[in-house]
C-alpha atoms as a PDB file:
ATOM      1  CA  UNK A   1     106.252 102.513  89.335  1.00  0.00           C
ATOM      2  CA  UNK A   2     105.891 102.951  93.053  1.00  0.00           C
ATOM      3  CA  UNK A   3     103.058 103.960  95.193  1.00  0.00           C
ATOM      4  CA  UNK A   4     103.648 106.347  98.535  1.00  0.00           C
ATOM      5  CA  UNK A   5     100.612 106.111 101.006  1.00  0.00           C
ATOM      6  CA  UNK A   6      99.590 109.340 103.098  1.00  0.00           C
ATOM      7  CA  UNK A   7      99.330 108.405 106.630  1.00  0.00           C
ATOM      8  CA  UNK A   8      99.092 110.301 110.120  1.00  0.00           C
ATOM      9  CA  UNK A   9     101.720 110.632 112.472  1.00  0.00           C
ATOM     10  CA  UNK A  10     100.418 108.959 116.088  1.00  0.00           C
ATOM     11  CA  UNK A  11     103.654 109.099 117.787  1.00  0.00           C
ATOM     12  CA  UNK A  12     107.432 109.682 117.205  1.00  0.00           C
ATOM     13  CA  UNK A  13     110.564 107.816 118.944  1.00  0.00           C
ATOM     14  CA  UNK A  14     113.590 109.611 118.823  1.00  0.00           C
ATOM     15  CA  UNK A  15     115.232 107.341 121.128  1.00  0.00           C
ATOM     16  CA  UNK A  16     117.852 106.134 118.773  1.00  0.00           C
ATOM     17  CA  UNK A  17     119.290 109.295 116.889  1.00  0.00           C
ATOM     18  CA  UNK A  18     120.366 107.603 113.891  1.00  0.00           C
ATOM     19  CA  UNK A  19     116.860 106.093 113.137  1.00  0.00           C
ATOM     20  CA  UNK A  20     113.880 108.070 114.095  1.00  0.00           C
ATOM     21  CA  UNK A  21     110.438 106.318 113.699  1.00  0.00           C
ATOM     22  CA  UNK A  22     107.110 106.804 114.265  1.00  0.00           C
ATOM     23  CA  UNK A  23     103.804 105.068 114.557  1.00  0.00           C
ATOM     24  CA  UNK A  24     101.808 106.211 111.579  1.00  0.00           C
ATOM     25  CA  UNK A  25      98.091 105.265 110.967  1.00  0.00           C
ATOM     26  CA  UNK A  26      96.803 104.474 107.390  1.00  0.00           C
ATOM     27  CA  UNK A  27      92.998 104.242 107.507  1.00  0.00           C
ATOM     28  CA  UNK A  28      92.543 101.343 110.236  1.00  0.00           C
ATOM     29  CA  UNK A  29      96.174 100.034 109.814  1.00  0.00           C
ATOM     30  CA  UNK A  30      99.215 101.403 111.966  1.00  0.00           C
ATOM     31  CA  UNK A  31     102.749 100.697 111.119  1.00  0.00           C
ATOM     32  CA  UNK A  32     106.435 101.737 112.062  1.00  0.00           C
ATOM     33  CA  UNK A  33     107.683 103.792 109.682  1.00  0.00           C
ATOM     34  CA  UNK A  34     111.170 105.706 109.528  1.00  0.00           C
ATOM     35  CA  UNK A  35     110.770 109.545 109.696  1.00  0.00           C
ATOM     36  CA  UNK A  36     114.558 109.980 109.840  1.00  0.00           C
ATOM     37  CA  UNK A  37     114.886 111.958 106.587  1.00  0.00           C
ATOM     38  CA  UNK A  38     112.100 114.412 107.057  1.00  0.00           C
ATOM     39  CA  UNK A  39     112.746 117.474 108.730  1.00  0.00           C
ATOM     40  CA  UNK A  40     110.037 118.968 111.310  1.00  0.00           C
ATOM     41  CA  UNK A  41     107.629 116.553 111.673  1.00  0.00           C
ATOM     42  CA  UNK A  42     105.475 116.194 114.338  1.00  0.00           C
ATOM     43  CA  UNK A  43     102.739 114.202 115.907  1.00  0.00           C
ATOM     44  CA  UNK A  44      99.522 115.264 113.870  1.00  0.00           C
ATOM     45  CA  UNK A  45     101.474 115.344 110.748  1.00  0.00           C
ATOM     46  CA  UNK A  46     100.574 113.354 107.356  1.00  0.00           C
ATOM     47  CA  UNK A  47     103.593 111.889 105.480  1.00  0.00           C
ATOM     48  CA  UNK A  48     103.660 110.179 102.448  1.00  0.00           C
ATOM     49  CA  UNK A  49     105.496 106.823 103.098  1.00  0.00           C
ATOM     50  CA  UNK A  50     106.912 104.077 100.928  1.00  0.00           C
ATOM     51  CA  UNK A  51     108.298 100.690 101.695  1.00  0.00           C
ATOM     52  CA  UNK A  52     108.687 101.771 105.613  1.00  0.00           C
ATOM     53  CA  UNK A  53     110.216 104.992 104.930  1.00  0.00           C
ATOM     54  CA  UNK A  54     108.477 108.744 105.077  1.00  0.00           C
ATOM     55  CA  UNK A  55     109.310 110.521 101.622  1.00  0.00           C
ATOM     56  CA  UNK A  56     107.868 113.773 102.293  1.00  0.00           C
ATOM     57  CA  UNK A  57     105.539 115.851 104.416  1.00  0.00           C
ATOM     58  CA  UNK A  58     102.064 116.761 103.289  1.00  0.00           C
ATOM     59  CA  UNK A  59      99.070 118.846 104.229  1.00  0.00           C
ATOM     60  CA  UNK A  60      96.116 117.207 105.625  1.00  0.00           C
ATOM     61  CA  UNK A  61      93.966 118.409 102.487  1.00  0.00           C
ATOM     62  CA  UNK A  62      96.420 116.522  99.793  1.00  0.00           C
ATOM     63  CA  UNK A  63      96.371 113.615 102.511  1.00  0.00           C
ATOM     64  CA  UNK A  64      92.421 113.213 102.357  1.00  0.00           C
ATOM     65  CA  UNK A  65      92.139 113.808  98.879  1.00  0.00           C
ATOM     66  CA  UNK A  66      94.587 110.952  98.025  1.00  0.00           C
ATOM     67  CA  UNK A  67      93.102 108.201 100.721  1.00  0.00           C
ATOM     68  CA  UNK A  68      89.840 109.232  99.466  1.00  0.00           C
ATOM     69  CA  UNK A  69      90.977 108.146  95.565  1.00  0.00           C
ATOM     70  CA  UNK A  70      92.700 105.165  97.197  1.00  0.00           C
ATOM     71  CA  UNK A  71      89.085 104.011  98.850  1.00  0.00           C
ATOM     72  CA  UNK A  72      87.601 104.595  95.764  1.00  0.00           C
ATOM     73  CA  UNK A  73      89.809 102.122  93.966  1.00  0.00           C
ATOM     74  CA  UNK A  74      89.238  99.843  96.483  1.00  0.00           C
ATOM     75  CA  UNK A  75      92.057  99.867  98.913  1.00  0.00           C
ATOM     76  CA  UNK A  76      90.111  98.115 101.930  1.00  0.00           C
ATOM     77  CA  UNK A  77      93.118  98.719 104.802  1.00  0.00           C
ATOM     78  CA  UNK A  78      92.157 102.415 104.256  1.00  0.00           C
ATOM     79  CA  UNK A  79      88.510 102.145 104.966  1.00  0.00           C
ATOM     80  CA  UNK A  80      88.031 104.824 108.195  1.00  0.00           C
END
């Protein structure tokens, strides 16, 4: 079983056309995530990420709902 975590895109680096990367915020943590396979991502969008790769784009309401559920389960890095 896998867990994809929602995060908010802070910046996008398209300097390498073969590997588009984004700085993504997951609560207090900021990670570099590949967004190569997701169309039409922009700064401020929310994505679901697993193992350093964005799996899909999601809306803000769904992201916040999932983040709240993860916080309730005790995910410390996701505290605002």
